[in-house]
């Protein structure tokens, strides 16, 4: 894999997503989800909300990069907060 630029932040990022997917799979096996309706305009499952939170995090970071010159730590914190709110009450 010498053609890939694996840095520590990249490895942490993909490991965290992989761990989250494994956790969601185990949780789905132990306690199957049902569609629920929160503040989103549609009924969603746990997996739907996780996917939406990943897409939202990408857009938050792109918007941050396009409009601000400061580091991405605040964008990451905002993405984590949004993901928590979405997974809990979405």
C-alpha atoms as a PDB file:
ATOM      1  CA  UNK A   1       0.000   0.000   0.000  1.00  0.00           C
ATOM      2  CA  UNK A   2       2.867   2.357  -0.647  1.00  0.00           C
ATOM      3  CA  UNK A   3       0.751   4.286  -3.159  1.00  0.00           C
ATOM      4  CA  UNK A   4      -1.521   5.522  -0.364  1.00  0.00           C
ATOM      5  CA  UNK A   5      -0.634   8.409   1.918  1.00  0.00           C
ATOM      6  CA  UNK A   6      -1.574   6.883   5.276  1.00  0.00           C
ATOM      7  CA  UNK A   7      -0.970   9.392   8.012  1.00  0.00           C
ATOM      8  CA  UNK A   8      -1.913   8.988  11.651  1.00  0.00           C
ATOM      9  CA  UNK A   9      -5.008  11.239  11.386  1.00  0.00           C
ATOM     10  CA  UNK A  10      -6.173   9.320   8.296  1.00  0.00           C
ATOM     11  CA  UNK A  11      -5.712   5.982  10.045  1.00  0.00           C
ATOM     12  CA  UNK A  12      -7.565   7.240  13.131  1.00  0.00           C
ATOM     13  CA  UNK A  13     -10.417   8.568  10.985  1.00  0.00           C
ATOM     14  CA  UNK A  14     -10.966   5.330   9.057  1.00  0.00           C
ATOM     15  CA  UNK A  15     -10.478   3.210  12.169  1.00  0.00           C
ATOM     16  CA  UNK A  16     -13.114   5.249  14.002  1.00  0.00           C
ATOM     17  CA  UNK A  17     -15.616   4.824  11.160  1.00  0.00           C
ATOM     18  CA  UNK A  18     -14.873   1.093  10.988  1.00  0.00           C
ATOM     19  CA  UNK A  19     -15.306   0.748  14.751  1.00  0.00           C
ATOM     20  CA  UNK A  20     -18.576   2.693  14.595  1.00  0.00           C
ATOM     21  CA  UNK A  21     -19.878   0.413  11.830  1.00  0.00           C
ATOM     22  CA  UNK A  22     -18.915  -2.697  13.809  1.00  0.00           C
ATOM     23  CA  UNK A  23     -20.618  -1.269  16.892  1.00  0.00           C
ATOM     24  CA  UNK A  24     -23.775  -0.446  14.957  1.00  0.00           C
ATOM     25  CA  UNK A  25     -23.803  -3.951  13.485  1.00  0.00           C
ATOM     26  CA  UNK A  26     -23.480  -5.548  16.925  1.00  0.00           C
ATOM     27  CA  UNK A  27     -26.171  -3.245  18.296  1.00  0.00           C
ATOM     28  CA  UNK A  28     -28.459  -4.133  15.391  1.00  0.00           C
ATOM     29  CA  UNK A  29     -27.995  -7.853  16.103  1.00  0.00           C
ATOM     30  CA  UNK A  30     -28.624  -7.423  19.829  1.00  0.00           C
ATOM     31  CA  UNK A  31     -31.434  -4.894  19.562  1.00  0.00           C
ATOM     32  CA  UNK A  32     -32.977  -4.535  16.096  1.00  0.00           C
ATOM     33  CA  UNK A  33     -33.993  -1.007  15.228  1.00  0.00           C
ATOM     34  CA  UNK A  34     -37.370   0.219  14.089  1.00  0.00           C
ATOM     35  CA  UNK A  35     -38.111   3.273  12.062  1.00  0.00           C
ATOM     36  CA  UNK A  36     -38.572   6.309  14.252  1.00  0.00           C
ATOM     37  CA  UNK A  37     -39.628   9.835  13.531  1.00  0.00           C
ATOM     38  CA  UNK A  38     -37.675  12.663  15.132  1.00  0.00           C
ATOM     39  CA  UNK A  39     -36.932  16.175  13.922  1.00  0.00           C
ATOM     40  CA  UNK A  40     -35.977  14.879  10.464  1.00  0.00           C
ATOM     41  CA  UNK A  41     -38.850  15.066   7.954  1.00  0.00           C
ATOM     42  CA  UNK A  42     -38.867  11.291   7.479  1.00  0.00           C
ATOM     43  CA  UNK A  43     -38.848   8.133   9.545  1.00  0.00           C
ATOM     44  CA  UNK A  44     -35.297   6.808   9.873  1.00  0.00           C
ATOM     45  CA  UNK A  45     -33.429   3.882  11.369  1.00  0.00           C
ATOM     46  CA  UNK A  46     -30.235   4.032  13.402  1.00  0.00           C
ATOM     47  CA  UNK A  47     -28.198   3.260  10.283  1.00  0.00           C
ATOM     48  CA  UNK A  48     -29.955   5.974   8.278  1.00  0.00           C
ATOM     49  CA  UNK A  49     -29.140   8.556  10.917  1.00  0.00           C
ATOM     50  CA  UNK A  50     -25.502   7.410  11.059  1.00  0.00           C
ATOM     51  CA  UNK A  51     -25.191   7.718   7.270  1.00  0.00           C
ATOM     52  CA  UNK A  52     -26.793  11.176   7.334  1.00  0.00           C
ATOM     53  CA  UNK A  53     -24.392  12.238  10.098  1.00  0.00           C
ATOM     54  CA  UNK A  54     -21.380  11.100   8.012  1.00  0.00           C
ATOM     55  CA  UNK A  55     -22.638  13.026   4.979  1.00  0.00           C
ATOM     56  CA  UNK A  56     -23.351  16.057   7.154  1.00  0.00           C
ATOM     57  CA  UNK A  57     -19.845  15.925   8.625  1.00  0.00           C
ATOM     58  CA  UNK A  58     -18.362  15.965   5.126  1.00  0.00           C
ATOM     59  CA  UNK A  59     -20.458  18.980   4.144  1.00  0.00           C
ATOM     60  CA  UNK A  60     -19.687  20.804   7.404  1.00  0.00           C
ATOM     61  CA  UNK A  61     -15.964  20.332   6.791  1.00  0.00           C
ATOM     62  CA  UNK A  62     -16.217  21.410   3.146  1.00  0.00           C
ATOM     63  CA  UNK A  63     -18.194  24.504   4.109  1.00  0.00           C
ATOM     64  CA  UNK A  64     -15.646  25.255   6.829  1.00  0.00           C
ATOM     65  CA  UNK A  65     -12.735  24.907   4.411  1.00  0.00           C
ATOM     66  CA  UNK A  66     -14.465  27.058   1.818  1.00  0.00           C
ATOM     67  CA  UNK A  67     -15.358  29.940   4.118  1.00  0.00           C
ATOM     68  CA  UNK A  68     -12.899  30.041   7.019  1.00  0.00           C
ATOM     69  CA  UNK A  69      -9.137  29.932   7.338  1.00  0.00           C
ATOM     70  CA  UNK A  70      -8.907  28.529  10.849  1.00  0.00           C
ATOM     71  CA  UNK A  71      -8.151  24.894  11.630  1.00  0.00           C
ATOM     72  CA  UNK A  72     -10.615  22.072  11.308  1.00  0.00           C
ATOM     73  CA  UNK A  73     -10.846  21.256  15.029  1.00  0.00           C
ATOM     74  CA  UNK A  74     -13.928  23.420  15.469  1.00  0.00           C
ATOM     75  CA  UNK A  75     -15.536  21.912  12.372  1.00  0.00           C
ATOM     76  CA  UNK A  76     -14.838  18.457  13.777  1.00  0.00           C
ATOM     77  CA  UNK A  77     -16.338  19.410  17.134  1.00  0.00           C
ATOM     78  CA  UNK A  78     -19.391  20.840  15.380  1.00  0.00           C
ATOM     79  CA  UNK A  79     -19.718  17.644  13.322  1.00  0.00           C
ATOM     80  CA  UNK A  80     -19.530  15.475  16.448  1.00  0.00           C
ATOM     81  CA  UNK A  81     -22.150  17.602  18.176  1.00  0.00           C
ATOM     82  CA  UNK A  82     -24.426  17.400  15.117  1.00  0.00           C
ATOM     83  CA  UNK A  83     -23.918  13.615  14.918  1.00  0.00           C
ATOM     84  CA  UNK A  84     -24.851  13.234  18.592  1.00  0.00           C
ATOM     85  CA  UNK A  85     -27.996  15.348  18.166  1.00  0.00           C
ATOM     86  CA  UNK A  86     -28.937  13.505  14.987  1.00  0.00           C
ATOM     87  CA  UNK A  87     -28.419  10.040  16.459  1.00  0.00           C
ATOM     88  CA  UNK A  88     -30.282  10.909  19.645  1.00  0.00           C
ATOM     89  CA  UNK A  89     -33.267  12.967  18.433  1.00  0.00           C
ATOM     90  CA  UNK A  90     -33.107  12.746  14.612  1.00  0.00           C
END
